[in-house]
Amino acid sequence: MRRRIYLGCFAVHFLLILGVCTRETLSLLANGYTFLPASLAKCGAKAEAIVAAAIGEGLSVSHPLRQGIVAYQNGAGIELGYGFFAPSVPNSYKLVFEIHYPNGKVDYDLPCVSDAAAGTFVSGLLEQIGRIQYDPLREMMLKMLARSAWKEHPDASMVRAVFGFVQVPSPAEVRLGKSETYRFMYAYDFSFAPGPIK
């Protein structure tokens, strides 16, 4: 009996890993990040939706089964799979802070990091923010990042977090002279109370 329980737990764990990895790979195909023909992108998107539903992502955020699956995936470290050739290879998401001052002046800033390793983590975080479907969670994560920008500019009256995606052209488009383009996704305005910054 104990052996069957262990085997069942292993099967569930393995199927979740397989589902996450498959969804990651299909996402790359659906977004045209592979050398495969662009005509396969539509099939990749449909297949990604099926796999996402199979691992519980089609359920509402408050559904207990989805919450259990997400908690297990995060606890086991399998929420991000080996989508292509390496774990968590980030897309080209970009976050820019517009720093607004009471006198009307506007400055621009990027998230600051102390070293290359921290930059990799921030890049992965931006990847996750770009995938979030639940707006209040996305807004809260961007607010935490905007707060760090406000700490660098305590005189500011408002920090606008502008989140977007850098669309990299395919090799064929590069040969035709096309360069990358920026696609706006979200913008949030944050005001922080004046006072000592901790």
N, C-alpha and C. Protein backbone atom coordinates (compact mmCIF):
# COMPACT_ATOMS: atom_id res chain seq x y z
N MET A 1 0.82 -1.19 0.00
CA MET A 1 0.00 0.00 0.00
C MET A 1 0.87 1.26 0.00
N ARG A 2 1.90 1.28 0.85
CA ARG A 2 2.77 2.43 0.95
C ARG A 2 3.48 2.68 -0.39
N ARG A 3 3.85 1.57 -1.03
CA ARG A 3 4.54 1.69 -2.32
C ARG A 3 3.64 2.36 -3.36
N ARG A 4 2.35 2.03 -3.36
CA ARG A 4 1.41 2.64 -4.30
C ARG A 4 1.25 4.13 -4.03
N ILE A 5 1.22 4.49 -2.77
CA ILE A 5 1.10 5.91 -2.42
C ILE A 5 2.33 6.67 -2.92
N TYR A 6 3.52 6.12 -2.69
CA TYR A 6 4.75 6.76 -3.17
C TYR A 6 4.75 6.87 -4.69
N LEU A 7 4.32 5.80 -5.35
CA LEU A 7 4.26 5.80 -6.81
C LEU A 7 3.26 6.84 -7.31
N GLY A 8 2.12 6.96 -6.65
CA GLY A 8 1.11 7.95 -7.03
C GLY A 8 1.64 9.37 -6.84
N CYS A 9 2.32 9.64 -5.73
CA CYS A 9 2.90 10.96 -5.48
C CYS A 9 3.96 11.29 -6.53
N PHE A 10 4.79 10.31 -6.86
CA PHE A 10 5.81 10.53 -7.89
C PHE A 10 5.15 10.85 -9.23
N ALA A 11 4.08 10.12 -9.57
CA ALA A 11 3.40 10.33 -10.85
C ALA A 11 2.81 11.74 -10.92
N VAL A 12 2.16 12.20 -9.84
CA VAL A 12 1.59 13.54 -9.82
C VAL A 12 2.69 14.58 -9.96
N HIS A 13 3.77 14.40 -9.20
CA HIS A 13 4.90 15.34 -9.25
C HIS A 13 5.49 15.39 -10.66
N PHE A 14 5.72 14.24 -11.24
CA PHE A 14 6.31 14.16 -12.59
C PHE A 14 5.37 14.79 -13.63
N LEU A 15 4.07 14.52 -13.52
CA LEU A 15 3.12 15.09 -14.48
C LEU A 15 3.04 16.62 -14.36
N LEU A 16 3.15 17.14 -13.15
CA LEU A 16 3.17 18.59 -12.99
C LEU A 16 4.42 19.20 -13.62
N ILE A 17 5.57 18.56 -13.41
CA ILE A 17 6.82 19.04 -14.03
C ILE A 17 6.67 19.00 -15.55
N LEU A 18 6.18 17.90 -16.07
CA LEU A 18 6.00 17.75 -17.51
C LEU A 18 5.03 18.80 -18.05
N GLY A 19 3.94 19.05 -17.32
CA GLY A 19 2.95 20.04 -17.76
C GLY A 19 3.53 21.44 -17.80
N VAL A 20 4.27 21.83 -16.75
CA VAL A 20 4.87 23.17 -16.70
C VAL A 20 5.89 23.34 -17.82
N CYS A 21 6.74 22.34 -18.00
CA CYS A 21 7.77 22.42 -19.05
C CYS A 21 7.14 22.48 -20.44
N THR A 22 6.11 21.68 -20.66
CA THR A 22 5.45 21.66 -21.95
C THR A 22 4.77 22.99 -22.23
N ARG A 23 4.11 23.56 -21.21
CA ARG A 23 3.47 24.86 -21.38
C ARG A 23 4.49 25.94 -21.70
N GLU A 24 5.63 25.91 -21.03
CA GLU A 24 6.68 26.90 -21.30
C GLU A 24 7.17 26.79 -22.75
N THR A 25 7.42 25.58 -23.20
CA THR A 25 7.89 25.38 -24.57
C THR A 25 6.84 25.81 -25.58
N LEU A 26 5.58 25.45 -25.33
CA LEU A 26 4.51 25.84 -26.25
C LEU A 26 4.31 27.35 -26.26
N SER A 27 4.56 27.99 -25.13
CA SER A 27 4.48 29.45 -25.07
C SER A 27 5.51 30.09 -26.00
N LEU A 28 6.72 29.53 -26.00
CA LEU A 28 7.75 30.04 -26.91
C LEU A 28 7.32 29.87 -28.37
N LEU A 29 6.75 28.73 -28.67
CA LEU A 29 6.26 28.47 -30.03
C LEU A 29 5.13 29.43 -30.38
N ALA A 30 4.19 29.62 -29.45
CA ALA A 30 3.03 30.49 -29.71
C ALA A 30 3.44 31.95 -29.93
N ASN A 31 4.51 32.37 -29.28
CA ASN A 31 4.96 33.76 -29.41
C ASN A 31 5.99 33.95 -30.52
N GLY A 32 6.29 32.88 -31.25
CA GLY A 32 7.20 33.00 -32.39
C GLY A 32 8.66 33.10 -32.02
N TYR A 33 9.07 32.55 -30.86
CA TYR A 33 10.46 32.63 -30.43
C TYR A 33 11.29 31.43 -30.85
N THR A 34 10.82 30.67 -31.80
CA THR A 34 11.58 29.51 -32.27
C THR A 34 11.86 29.67 -33.76
N PHE A 35 12.68 28.77 -34.28
CA PHE A 35 12.99 28.80 -35.71
C PHE A 35 11.89 28.14 -36.53
N LEU A 36 10.89 27.58 -35.86
CA LEU A 36 9.80 26.90 -36.55
C LEU A 36 8.94 27.90 -37.32
N PRO A 37 8.23 27.46 -38.36
CA PRO A 37 7.41 28.39 -39.15
C PRO A 37 6.38 29.12 -38.30
N ALA A 38 6.14 30.38 -38.64
CA ALA A 38 5.18 31.20 -37.90
C ALA A 38 3.77 30.63 -37.96
N SER A 39 3.48 29.84 -38.96
CA SER A 39 2.15 29.24 -39.09
C SER A 39 1.84 28.28 -37.94
N LEU A 40 2.88 27.80 -37.25
CA LEU A 40 2.66 26.89 -36.12
C LEU A 40 2.31 27.63 -34.84
N ALA A 41 2.41 28.96 -34.85
CA ALA A 41 2.15 29.74 -33.64
C ALA A 41 0.72 29.56 -33.15
N LYS A 42 -0.23 29.51 -34.08
CA LYS A 42 -1.64 29.34 -33.69
C LYS A 42 -1.86 27.98 -33.03
N CYS A 43 -1.25 26.94 -33.61
CA CYS A 43 -1.35 25.60 -33.01
C CYS A 43 -0.69 25.58 -31.64
N GLY A 44 0.45 26.26 -31.54
CA GLY A 44 1.16 26.33 -30.26
C GLY A 44 0.32 27.01 -29.19
N ALA A 45 -0.40 28.07 -29.57
CA ALA A 45 -1.24 28.79 -28.61
C ALA A 45 -2.39 27.91 -28.14
N LYS A 46 -3.00 27.17 -29.06
CA LYS A 46 -4.09 26.27 -28.68
C LYS A 46 -3.59 25.15 -27.76
N ALA A 47 -2.45 24.57 -28.12
CA ALA A 47 -1.88 23.49 -27.31
C ALA A 47 -1.47 24.02 -25.93
N GLU A 48 -0.93 25.24 -25.89
CA GLU A 48 -0.54 25.83 -24.60
C GLU A 48 -1.77 26.00 -23.71
N ALA A 49 -2.89 26.45 -24.29
CA ALA A 49 -4.12 26.63 -23.52
C ALA A 49 -4.62 25.29 -22.96
N ILE A 50 -4.50 24.23 -23.74
CA ILE A 50 -4.94 22.90 -23.29
C ILE A 50 -4.07 22.42 -22.13
N VAL A 51 -2.75 22.56 -22.28
CA VAL A 51 -1.83 22.11 -21.23
C VAL A 51 -2.02 22.96 -19.97
N ALA A 52 -2.22 24.29 -20.14
CA ALA A 52 -2.44 25.17 -18.99
C ALA A 52 -3.70 24.75 -18.23
N ALA A 53 -4.75 24.40 -18.98
CA ALA A 53 -5.98 23.93 -18.34
C ALA A 53 -5.75 22.62 -17.60
N ALA A 54 -4.93 21.75 -18.18
CA ALA A 54 -4.67 20.45 -17.56
C ALA A 54 -3.92 20.58 -16.24
N ILE A 55 -3.10 21.62 -16.10
CA ILE A 55 -2.37 21.80 -14.83
C ILE A 55 -3.07 22.82 -13.92
N GLY A 56 -4.34 23.09 -14.21
CA GLY A 56 -5.17 23.88 -13.32
C GLY A 56 -5.18 25.37 -13.55
N GLU A 57 -4.50 25.86 -14.57
CA GLU A 57 -4.44 27.31 -14.78
C GLU A 57 -5.73 27.87 -15.37
N GLY A 58 -6.61 27.01 -15.83
CA GLY A 58 -7.89 27.48 -16.35
C GLY A 58 -8.91 27.72 -15.26
N LEU A 59 -8.64 27.24 -14.06
CA LEU A 59 -9.56 27.42 -12.94
C LEU A 59 -9.45 28.85 -12.41
N SER A 60 -10.48 29.30 -11.71
CA SER A 60 -10.43 30.65 -11.13
C SER A 60 -9.33 30.70 -10.07
N VAL A 61 -8.84 31.90 -9.82
CA VAL A 61 -7.74 32.08 -8.87
C VAL A 61 -8.14 31.62 -7.47
N SER A 62 -9.42 31.74 -7.12
CA SER A 62 -9.87 31.36 -5.79
C SER A 62 -10.24 29.88 -5.65
N HIS A 63 -10.17 29.13 -6.73
CA HIS A 63 -10.54 27.71 -6.69
C HIS A 63 -9.53 26.95 -5.82
N PRO A 64 -10.01 26.13 -4.86
CA PRO A 64 -9.10 25.43 -3.96
C PRO A 64 -8.12 24.49 -4.67
N LEU A 65 -8.56 23.83 -5.75
CA LEU A 65 -7.67 22.93 -6.48
C LEU A 65 -6.52 23.72 -7.10
N ARG A 66 -6.86 24.86 -7.72
CA ARG A 66 -5.80 25.68 -8.33
C ARG A 66 -4.85 26.20 -7.25
N GLN A 67 -5.38 26.65 -6.14
CA GLN A 67 -4.53 27.14 -5.06
C GLN A 67 -3.61 26.04 -4.54
N GLY A 68 -4.14 24.82 -4.43
CA GLY A 68 -3.32 23.70 -3.99
C GLY A 68 -2.21 23.37 -4.97
N ILE A 69 -2.54 23.37 -6.27
CA ILE A 69 -1.54 23.07 -7.30
C ILE A 69 -0.46 24.14 -7.31
N VAL A 70 -0.86 25.42 -7.24
CA VAL A 70 0.11 26.51 -7.25
C VAL A 70 1.00 26.45 -6.01
N ALA A 71 0.40 26.19 -4.85
CA ALA A 71 1.19 26.08 -3.62
C ALA A 71 2.20 24.94 -3.72
N TYR A 72 1.77 23.81 -4.25
CA TYR A 72 2.69 22.68 -4.40
C TYR A 72 3.80 23.00 -5.39
N GLN A 73 3.45 23.60 -6.53
CA GLN A 73 4.45 23.94 -7.54
C GLN A 73 5.49 24.90 -6.97
N ASN A 74 5.04 25.93 -6.25
CA ASN A 74 5.98 26.88 -5.67
C ASN A 74 6.83 26.23 -4.58
N GLY A 75 6.19 25.40 -3.75
CA GLY A 75 6.93 24.72 -2.69
C GLY A 75 7.97 23.75 -3.22
N ALA A 76 7.64 23.10 -4.32
CA ALA A 76 8.56 22.12 -4.91
C ALA A 76 9.55 22.76 -5.88
N GLY A 77 9.35 24.05 -6.20
CA GLY A 77 10.24 24.73 -7.12
C GLY A 77 10.02 24.37 -8.57
N ILE A 78 8.81 23.95 -8.91
CA ILE A 78 8.54 23.54 -10.29
C ILE A 78 7.58 24.49 -10.99
N GLU A 79 7.38 25.70 -10.43
CA GLU A 79 6.46 26.64 -11.06
C GLU A 79 7.00 27.17 -12.38
N LEU A 80 8.31 27.11 -12.56
CA LEU A 80 8.95 27.49 -13.82
C LEU A 80 9.69 26.28 -14.35
N GLY A 81 9.46 25.97 -15.59
CA GLY A 81 10.09 24.79 -16.15
C GLY A 81 11.26 25.12 -17.05
N TYR A 82 11.85 24.10 -17.56
CA TYR A 82 12.88 24.24 -18.56
C TYR A 82 12.15 24.41 -19.89
N GLY A 83 11.80 25.66 -20.19
CA GLY A 83 10.94 25.93 -21.33
C GLY A 83 11.58 25.68 -22.67
N PHE A 84 12.87 25.91 -22.80
CA PHE A 84 13.50 25.71 -24.10
C PHE A 84 14.80 24.97 -23.88
N PHE A 85 15.88 25.68 -23.61
CA PHE A 85 17.15 25.02 -23.34
C PHE A 85 17.69 25.32 -21.96
N ALA A 86 17.15 26.31 -21.29
CA ALA A 86 17.64 26.68 -19.97
C ALA A 86 16.45 27.09 -19.11
N PRO A 87 16.60 27.01 -17.79
CA PRO A 87 15.48 27.37 -16.93
C PRO A 87 15.23 28.87 -16.92
N SER A 88 13.98 29.23 -17.00
CA SER A 88 13.53 30.61 -16.85
C SER A 88 14.28 31.61 -17.72
N VAL A 89 14.44 31.31 -18.99
CA VAL A 89 15.04 32.27 -19.89
C VAL A 89 14.01 33.38 -20.11
N PRO A 90 14.30 34.61 -19.65
CA PRO A 90 13.27 35.64 -19.68
C PRO A 90 13.05 36.23 -21.06
N ASN A 91 11.83 36.68 -21.28
CA ASN A 91 11.53 37.44 -22.47
C ASN A 91 12.05 38.85 -22.27
N SER A 92 11.79 39.71 -23.19
CA SER A 92 12.33 41.06 -23.13
C SER A 92 11.33 42.04 -22.53
N TYR A 93 10.93 41.80 -21.31
CA TYR A 93 10.05 42.73 -20.63
C TYR A 93 10.87 43.91 -20.12
N LYS A 94 10.24 45.07 -20.08
CA LYS A 94 10.95 46.27 -19.68
C LYS A 94 10.08 47.08 -18.73
N LEU A 95 10.70 47.61 -17.68
CA LEU A 95 10.02 48.45 -16.72
C LEU A 95 10.75 49.78 -16.63
N VAL A 96 10.00 50.86 -16.83
CA VAL A 96 10.56 52.21 -16.74
C VAL A 96 9.74 52.98 -15.72
N PHE A 97 10.44 53.74 -14.87
CA PHE A 97 9.75 54.58 -13.90
C PHE A 97 9.77 56.02 -14.39
N GLU A 98 8.60 56.63 -14.43
CA GLU A 98 8.49 58.07 -14.66
C GLU A 98 8.39 58.71 -13.28
N ILE A 99 9.37 59.52 -12.94
CA ILE A 99 9.40 60.17 -11.64
C ILE A 99 8.85 61.58 -11.81
N HIS A 100 7.69 61.87 -11.23
CA HIS A 100 7.03 63.17 -11.35
C HIS A 100 7.28 63.98 -10.08
N TYR A 101 7.69 65.23 -10.26
CA TYR A 101 7.96 66.13 -9.14
C TYR A 101 6.86 67.19 -9.05
N PRO A 102 6.69 67.79 -7.86
CA PRO A 102 5.62 68.80 -7.69
C PRO A 102 5.76 69.99 -8.64
N ASN A 103 6.97 70.33 -9.07
CA ASN A 103 7.17 71.49 -9.96
C ASN A 103 6.91 71.15 -11.43
N GLY A 104 6.48 69.92 -11.73
CA GLY A 104 6.17 69.53 -13.10
C GLY A 104 7.30 68.81 -13.81
N LYS A 105 8.47 68.76 -13.21
CA LYS A 105 9.62 68.07 -13.80
C LYS A 105 9.36 66.56 -13.81
N VAL A 106 9.83 65.90 -14.86
CA VAL A 106 9.68 64.45 -14.98
C VAL A 106 11.05 63.85 -15.29
N ASP A 107 11.46 62.87 -14.50
CA ASP A 107 12.69 62.11 -14.74
C ASP A 107 12.30 60.67 -15.07
N TYR A 108 13.23 59.97 -15.66
CA TYR A 108 13.01 58.56 -15.98
C TYR A 108 14.09 57.73 -15.32
N ASP A 109 13.71 56.56 -14.84
CA ASP A 109 14.65 55.69 -14.15
C ASP A 109 14.30 54.24 -14.46
N LEU A 110 15.29 53.39 -14.33
CA LEU A 110 15.11 51.95 -14.49
C LEU A 110 15.32 51.27 -13.15
N PRO A 111 14.82 50.06 -12.96
CA PRO A 111 15.10 49.35 -11.71
C PRO A 111 16.61 49.22 -11.50
N CYS A 112 17.07 49.54 -10.30
CA CYS A 112 18.51 49.49 -9.99
C CYS A 112 18.86 48.13 -9.40
N VAL A 113 20.01 47.63 -9.79
CA VAL A 113 20.52 46.37 -9.24
C VAL A 113 21.97 46.57 -8.84
N SER A 114 22.42 45.75 -7.91
CA SER A 114 23.78 45.91 -7.40
C SER A 114 24.82 45.15 -8.22
N ASP A 115 24.40 44.08 -8.89
CA ASP A 115 25.35 43.30 -9.69
C ASP A 115 24.61 42.50 -10.76
N ALA A 116 25.36 41.76 -11.57
CA ALA A 116 24.77 41.02 -12.68
C ALA A 116 23.81 39.93 -12.20
N ALA A 117 24.13 39.31 -11.07
CA ALA A 117 23.24 38.26 -10.55
C ALA A 117 21.89 38.85 -10.17
N ALA A 118 21.90 40.01 -9.52
CA ALA A 118 20.65 40.66 -9.15
C ALA A 118 19.88 41.06 -10.41
N GLY A 119 20.60 41.48 -11.45
CA GLY A 119 19.96 41.82 -12.72
C GLY A 119 19.23 40.63 -13.32
N THR A 120 19.82 39.45 -13.19
CA THR A 120 19.18 38.23 -13.69
C THR A 120 17.89 37.96 -12.92
N PHE A 121 17.92 38.17 -11.60
CA PHE A 121 16.72 37.95 -10.80
C PHE A 121 15.63 38.96 -11.17
N VAL A 122 16.01 40.23 -11.37
CA VAL A 122 15.03 41.25 -11.74
C VAL A 122 14.44 40.92 -13.11
N SER A 123 15.28 40.46 -14.03
CA SER A 123 14.81 40.07 -15.35
C SER A 123 13.79 38.94 -15.24
N GLY A 124 14.06 37.96 -14.41
CA GLY A 124 13.12 36.86 -14.18
C GLY A 124 11.84 37.34 -13.52
N LEU A 125 11.97 38.31 -12.60
CA LEU A 125 10.79 38.87 -11.95
C LEU A 125 9.91 39.61 -12.95
N LEU A 126 10.53 40.36 -13.85
CA LEU A 126 9.76 41.05 -14.88
C LEU A 126 9.04 40.05 -15.79
N GLU A 127 9.69 38.93 -16.05
CA GLU A 127 9.06 37.85 -16.83
C GLU A 127 7.79 37.36 -16.13
N GLN A 128 7.89 37.17 -14.82
CA GLN A 128 6.72 36.69 -14.07
C GLN A 128 5.62 37.74 -14.03
N ILE A 129 5.99 39.01 -13.85
CA ILE A 129 5.00 40.07 -13.83
C ILE A 129 4.27 40.13 -15.18
N GLY A 130 5.01 39.92 -16.26
CA GLY A 130 4.40 39.94 -17.59
C GLY A 130 3.40 38.83 -17.80
N ARG A 131 3.52 37.75 -17.06
CA ARG A 131 2.61 36.61 -17.23
C ARG A 131 1.41 36.65 -16.28
N ILE A 132 1.45 37.53 -15.30
CA ILE A 132 0.39 37.57 -14.29
C ILE A 132 -0.92 38.01 -14.94
N GLN A 133 -1.96 37.24 -14.71
CA GLN A 133 -3.29 37.55 -15.23
C GLN A 133 -4.11 38.34 -14.21
N TYR A 134 -3.75 38.29 -12.96
CA TYR A 134 -4.53 38.89 -11.87
C TYR A 134 -4.00 40.30 -11.61
N ASP A 135 -4.79 41.30 -12.03
CA ASP A 135 -4.34 42.69 -12.01
C ASP A 135 -3.93 43.20 -10.63
N PRO A 136 -4.67 42.94 -9.53
CA PRO A 136 -4.24 43.45 -8.22
C PRO A 136 -2.86 42.92 -7.80
N LEU A 137 -2.55 41.68 -8.13
CA LEU A 137 -1.23 41.14 -7.80
C LEU A 137 -0.14 41.83 -8.62
N ARG A 138 -0.39 42.00 -9.92
CA ARG A 138 0.57 42.67 -10.78
C ARG A 138 0.82 44.09 -10.28
N GLU A 139 -0.26 44.79 -9.93
CA GLU A 139 -0.13 46.17 -9.44
C GLU A 139 0.69 46.22 -8.15
N MET A 140 0.45 45.27 -7.24
CA MET A 140 1.18 45.25 -5.96
C MET A 140 2.67 45.00 -6.20
N MET A 141 3.00 44.08 -7.10
CA MET A 141 4.41 43.80 -7.38
C MET A 141 5.10 45.03 -7.99
N LEU A 142 4.42 45.70 -8.90
CA LEU A 142 5.00 46.91 -9.50
C LEU A 142 5.09 48.03 -8.48
N LYS A 143 4.16 48.07 -7.54
CA LYS A 143 4.22 49.10 -6.49
C LYS A 143 5.46 48.90 -5.61
N MET A 144 5.78 47.65 -5.31
CA MET A 144 6.98 47.39 -4.51
C MET A 144 8.23 47.83 -5.24
N LEU A 145 8.28 47.60 -6.54
CA LEU A 145 9.44 48.05 -7.33
C LEU A 145 9.45 49.57 -7.44
N ALA A 146 8.28 50.19 -7.59
CA ALA A 146 8.21 51.65 -7.69
C ALA A 146 8.62 52.30 -6.38
N ARG A 147 8.33 51.65 -5.28
CA ARG A 147 8.74 52.20 -3.97
C ARG A 147 10.25 52.31 -3.88
N SER A 148 10.95 51.33 -4.43
CA SER A 148 12.42 51.41 -4.39
C SER A 148 12.91 52.58 -5.25
N ALA A 149 12.21 52.86 -6.35
CA ALA A 149 12.58 54.02 -7.17
C ALA A 149 12.28 55.32 -6.43
N TRP A 150 11.16 55.35 -5.70
CA TRP A 150 10.80 56.54 -4.93
C TRP A 150 11.83 56.81 -3.83
N LYS A 151 12.38 55.76 -3.25
CA LYS A 151 13.40 55.94 -2.21
C LYS A 151 14.63 56.67 -2.76
N GLU A 152 14.89 56.49 -4.04
CA GLU A 152 16.02 57.18 -4.69
C GLU A 152 15.66 58.62 -5.04
N HIS A 153 14.37 58.93 -5.09
CA HIS A 153 13.88 60.27 -5.47
C HIS A 153 12.81 60.69 -4.46
N PRO A 154 13.19 60.95 -3.21
CA PRO A 154 12.17 61.21 -2.16
C PRO A 154 11.38 62.50 -2.37
N ASP A 155 11.85 63.40 -3.22
CA ASP A 155 11.12 64.64 -3.48
C ASP A 155 9.97 64.44 -4.47
N ALA A 156 9.90 63.30 -5.06
CA ALA A 156 8.89 63.05 -6.10
C ALA A 156 7.49 63.03 -5.50
N SER A 157 6.53 63.50 -6.30
CA SER A 157 5.13 63.48 -5.87
C SER A 157 4.42 62.22 -6.35
N MET A 158 4.95 61.61 -7.42
CA MET A 158 4.32 60.41 -7.97
C MET A 158 5.35 59.62 -8.76
N VAL A 159 5.21 58.32 -8.74
CA VAL A 159 6.03 57.43 -9.57
C VAL A 159 5.08 56.64 -10.45
N ARG A 160 5.27 56.74 -11.76
CA ARG A 160 4.47 55.96 -12.70
C ARG A 160 5.34 54.78 -13.16
N ALA A 161 4.84 53.58 -12.96
CA ALA A 161 5.52 52.38 -13.43
C ALA A 161 4.95 52.02 -14.80
N VAL A 162 5.78 52.07 -15.84
CA VAL A 162 5.35 51.76 -17.20
C VAL A 162 5.98 50.43 -17.58
N PHE A 163 5.13 49.46 -17.83
CA PHE A 163 5.58 48.09 -18.09
C PHE A 163 5.26 47.74 -19.53
N GLY A 164 6.23 47.17 -20.23
CA GLY A 164 6.01 46.79 -21.62
C GLY A 164 6.89 45.64 -22.04
N PHE A 165 6.88 45.40 -23.32
CA PHE A 165 7.57 44.25 -23.89
C PHE A 165 8.34 44.70 -25.11
N VAL A 166 9.59 44.30 -25.19
CA VAL A 166 10.40 44.60 -26.37
C VAL A 166 10.21 43.44 -27.35
N GLN A 167 9.57 43.73 -28.47
CA GLN A 167 9.33 42.72 -29.50
C GLN A 167 10.56 42.62 -30.38
N VAL A 168 11.25 41.50 -30.28
CA VAL A 168 12.47 41.29 -31.07
C VAL A 168 12.07 40.70 -32.42
N PRO A 169 12.59 41.24 -33.51
CA PRO A 169 12.21 40.72 -34.83
C PRO A 169 12.80 39.34 -35.07
N SER A 170 12.17 38.60 -35.95
CA SER A 170 12.68 37.28 -36.33
C SER A 170 13.92 37.47 -37.21
N PRO A 171 14.72 36.41 -37.41
CA PRO A 171 15.88 36.54 -38.29
C PRO A 171 15.52 37.03 -39.69
N ALA A 172 14.39 36.58 -40.22
CA ALA A 172 13.97 37.03 -41.55
C ALA A 172 13.65 38.52 -41.55
N GLU A 173 13.03 39.01 -40.47
CA GLU A 173 12.70 40.43 -40.37
C GLU A 173 13.96 41.29 -40.21
N VAL A 174 14.95 40.76 -39.51
CA VAL A 174 16.22 41.49 -39.36
C VAL A 174 16.88 41.66 -40.71
N ARG A 175 16.84 40.61 -41.53
CA ARG A 175 17.42 40.70 -42.88
C ARG A 175 16.73 41.78 -43.71
N LEU A 176 15.46 42.03 -43.42
CA LEU A 176 14.72 43.06 -44.14
C LEU A 176 14.91 44.45 -43.52
N GLY A 177 15.71 44.53 -42.46
CA GLY A 177 16.02 45.81 -41.84
C GLY A 177 15.12 46.20 -40.69
N LYS A 178 14.25 45.31 -40.24
CA LYS A 178 13.36 45.64 -39.13
C LYS A 178 14.12 45.55 -37.81
N SER A 179 13.88 46.51 -36.92
CA SER A 179 14.52 46.48 -35.61
C SER A 179 13.47 46.18 -34.54
N GLU A 180 13.90 46.08 -33.31
CA GLU A 180 12.97 45.76 -32.24
C GLU A 180 12.01 46.93 -32.01
N THR A 181 10.83 46.59 -31.50
CA THR A 181 9.82 47.59 -31.20
C THR A 181 9.36 47.39 -29.76
N TYR A 182 8.90 48.45 -29.16
CA TYR A 182 8.43 48.41 -27.78
C TYR A 182 6.91 48.35 -27.77
N ARG A 183 6.36 47.41 -27.04
CA ARG A 183 4.91 47.28 -26.93
C ARG A 183 4.47 47.58 -25.50
N PHE A 184 3.69 48.62 -25.34
CA PHE A 184 3.16 49.02 -24.03
C PHE A 184 2.16 47.98 -23.54
N MET A 185 2.24 47.65 -22.24
CA MET A 185 1.28 46.71 -21.67
C MET A 185 0.47 47.33 -20.53
N TYR A 186 1.16 47.91 -19.52
CA TYR A 186 0.48 48.43 -18.35
C TYR A 186 1.19 49.68 -17.85
N ALA A 187 0.44 50.54 -17.18
CA ALA A 187 1.01 51.69 -16.47
C ALA A 187 0.21 51.89 -15.19
N TYR A 188 0.92 52.10 -14.10
CA TYR A 188 0.29 52.33 -12.81
C TYR A 188 0.93 53.56 -12.18
N ASP A 189 0.10 54.41 -11.59
CA ASP A 189 0.58 55.59 -10.88
C ASP A 189 0.56 55.32 -9.38
N PHE A 190 1.68 55.64 -8.72
CA PHE A 190 1.79 55.42 -7.29
C PHE A 190 2.23 56.71 -6.61
N SER A 191 1.54 57.05 -5.54
CA SER A 191 1.94 58.17 -4.69
C SER A 191 2.29 57.61 -3.33
N PHE A 192 3.42 58.04 -2.81
CA PHE A 192 3.87 57.55 -1.52
C PHE A 192 3.83 58.68 -0.51
N ALA A 193 3.46 58.34 0.72
CA ALA A 193 3.34 59.35 1.76
C ALA A 193 4.71 59.93 2.09
N PRO A 194 4.79 61.25 2.24
CA PRO A 194 6.08 61.82 2.61
C PRO A 194 6.44 61.42 4.03
N GLY A 195 7.70 61.45 4.32
CA GLY A 195 8.17 61.06 5.65
C GLY A 195 9.48 60.33 5.53
N PRO A 196 9.99 59.83 6.65
CA PRO A 196 11.27 59.13 6.61
C PRO A 196 11.18 57.87 5.78
N ILE A 197 12.19 57.65 4.96
CA ILE A 197 12.23 56.48 4.11
C ILE A 197 13.00 55.39 4.82
N LYS A 198 12.40 54.23 4.88
CA LYS A 198 13.05 53.10 5.57
C LYS A 198 13.66 52.16 4.57
